[in-house]
Protein backbone atom coordinates (compact mmCIF):
# COMPACT_ATOMS: atom_id res chain seq x y z
CA MET A 1 34.98 -51.06 126.99
CA THR A 2 34.37 -54.68 127.91
CA GLN A 3 36.96 -57.49 127.60
CA TYR A 4 35.76 -60.44 125.65
CA LEU A 5 37.33 -63.98 125.53
CA LEU A 6 37.38 -65.39 122.00
CA SER A 7 38.14 -69.10 122.56
CA VAL A 8 39.09 -71.37 119.63
CA HIS A 9 37.54 -74.76 119.71
CA GLN A 10 39.07 -77.85 118.00
CA VAL A 11 37.74 -81.30 117.56
CA GLU A 12 40.15 -83.92 119.17
CA GLY A 13 41.18 -86.66 116.60
CA ALA A 14 40.08 -84.61 113.51
CA PRO A 15 42.35 -85.27 110.65
CA MET A 16 45.37 -82.98 110.63
CA PRO A 17 45.50 -80.61 107.51
CA ALA A 18 48.44 -80.73 105.28
CA PRO A 19 51.54 -78.79 106.31
CA GLU A 20 50.83 -76.20 103.72
CA ALA A 21 47.37 -75.66 105.11
CA ILE A 22 48.81 -75.25 108.67
CA GLU A 23 51.27 -72.87 107.47
CA ALA A 24 48.55 -70.79 105.78
CA VAL A 25 46.47 -70.84 109.07
CA PHE A 26 49.48 -69.63 110.95
CA ALA A 27 50.05 -66.80 108.48
CA ALA A 28 46.37 -65.83 108.65
CA VAL A 29 46.31 -65.82 112.49
CA ASP A 30 49.44 -63.60 112.54
CA GLU A 31 47.74 -61.25 110.17
CA PHE A 32 44.77 -61.14 112.32
CA ASN A 33 46.79 -60.63 115.48
CA SER A 34 48.44 -57.67 113.83
CA GLU A 35 44.96 -56.27 112.90
CA LEU A 36 43.82 -56.62 116.45
CA GLN A 37 46.95 -54.78 117.72
CA ASP A 38 46.59 -52.14 115.03
CA ALA A 39 43.09 -51.43 115.97
CA GLY A 40 43.95 -51.11 119.81
CA VAL A 41 41.63 -53.90 120.94
CA TRP A 42 44.34 -56.53 121.60
CA VAL A 43 44.86 -57.51 125.21
CA PHE A 44 46.44 -61.09 125.15
CA ALA A 45 46.37 -64.29 122.93
CA GLY A 46 47.90 -67.62 123.08
CA GLY A 47 47.68 -71.08 121.58
CA LEU A 48 47.44 -74.05 123.94
CA GLU A 49 49.20 -77.40 123.98
CA PRO A 50 47.00 -80.43 123.32
CA PRO A 51 44.44 -81.41 125.98
CA GLU A 52 46.32 -84.36 127.12
CA THR A 53 49.02 -82.07 128.54
CA ALA A 54 46.35 -80.68 130.94
CA THR A 55 46.26 -81.21 134.65
CA VAL A 56 43.14 -80.64 136.69
CA VAL A 57 43.57 -79.33 140.25
CA ARG A 58 40.66 -80.00 142.71
CA VAL A 59 40.50 -79.31 146.46
CA ASN A 60 38.60 -82.02 148.33
CA ASP A 61 38.45 -81.76 152.27
CA GLY A 62 41.36 -79.45 152.16
CA ASP A 63 43.59 -81.68 150.16
CA ALA A 64 44.67 -80.97 146.45
CA VAL A 65 43.92 -83.72 144.13
CA LEU A 66 45.59 -83.75 140.68
CA THR A 67 44.23 -85.40 137.64
CA ASP A 68 45.93 -85.72 134.28
CA GLY A 69 44.10 -84.76 131.22
CA PRO A 70 41.49 -82.06 130.44
CA PHE A 71 38.55 -81.10 132.86
CA ALA A 72 35.89 -81.77 130.27
CA GLU A 73 35.52 -85.22 128.83
CA SER A 74 34.65 -84.13 125.30
CA LYS A 75 35.95 -84.42 121.88
CA GLU A 76 35.90 -80.48 121.57
CA GLN A 77 38.50 -78.64 123.41
CA ILE A 78 39.83 -75.15 123.62
CA GLY A 79 42.97 -74.90 121.40
CA GLY A 80 43.80 -71.14 121.86
CA PHE A 81 42.15 -67.80 122.57
CA TRP A 82 42.26 -64.07 122.26
CA VAL A 83 41.31 -61.63 124.92
CA ILE A 84 40.19 -58.26 123.25
CA ASP A 85 38.70 -54.90 124.41
CA ALA A 86 35.56 -54.09 122.51
CA PRO A 87 33.01 -51.42 122.95
CA ASP A 88 29.98 -53.96 122.67
CA LEU A 89 29.08 -57.51 121.82
CA ASP A 90 28.36 -56.80 118.19
CA ARG A 91 32.00 -55.53 117.77
CA ALA A 92 33.36 -58.60 119.70
CA LEU A 93 31.44 -60.82 117.36
CA ALA A 94 32.74 -59.12 114.26
CA TRP A 95 36.40 -59.74 115.53
CA ALA A 96 35.44 -63.37 116.31
CA GLU A 97 34.18 -63.90 112.75
CA LYS A 98 37.65 -62.61 111.39
CA GLY A 99 39.33 -64.81 114.04
CA ALA A 100 37.31 -67.96 112.99
CA ARG A 101 38.19 -67.38 109.40
CA ALA A 102 41.85 -66.91 110.23
CA CYS A 103 42.16 -70.03 112.41
CA ALA A 104 39.73 -72.20 110.45
CA ASN A 105 37.92 -73.37 113.57
CA PRO A 106 34.86 -72.11 115.73
CA VAL A 107 35.36 -69.28 117.91
CA GLU A 108 33.21 -68.75 121.11
CA VAL A 109 32.72 -65.17 122.38
CA ARG A 110 32.15 -64.52 126.11
CA PRO A 111 32.26 -61.31 128.04
CA PHE A 112 34.41 -60.95 131.11
CA GLN A 113 32.45 -60.09 134.34
CA PRO A 114 32.81 -56.43 135.06
CA ILE A 115 35.46 -55.43 137.75
CA PRO A 116 33.61 -53.86 140.69
CA ASP A 117 34.65 -50.23 141.50
CA GLU A 118 37.19 -50.12 144.25
CA SER A 119 36.00 -46.73 145.63
């Protein structure tokens, strides 16, 4: 099995949905999370605070430099994610489609690099 990152992308400054719509999305995501867990593919998931709460840490000439705000200067930011264990990309994409429907946002799928054998 391969682990995949399913990252939820949100557009900064997009109009906020009505509270009822947000509640419906939360309920759909909870149901999706349960489905992942019941299928045995769930590894970890989480929602992120807004991009303006981010801090970027860089090391320049041995010194740490901290910068407020997200790393990428973009209107599109990661709003949350799932890490799943799937047998192949096709299965990961099928889960991502369900996740995108649940959270009402685009979901990017990326495999994790394999862990080298520690023989």
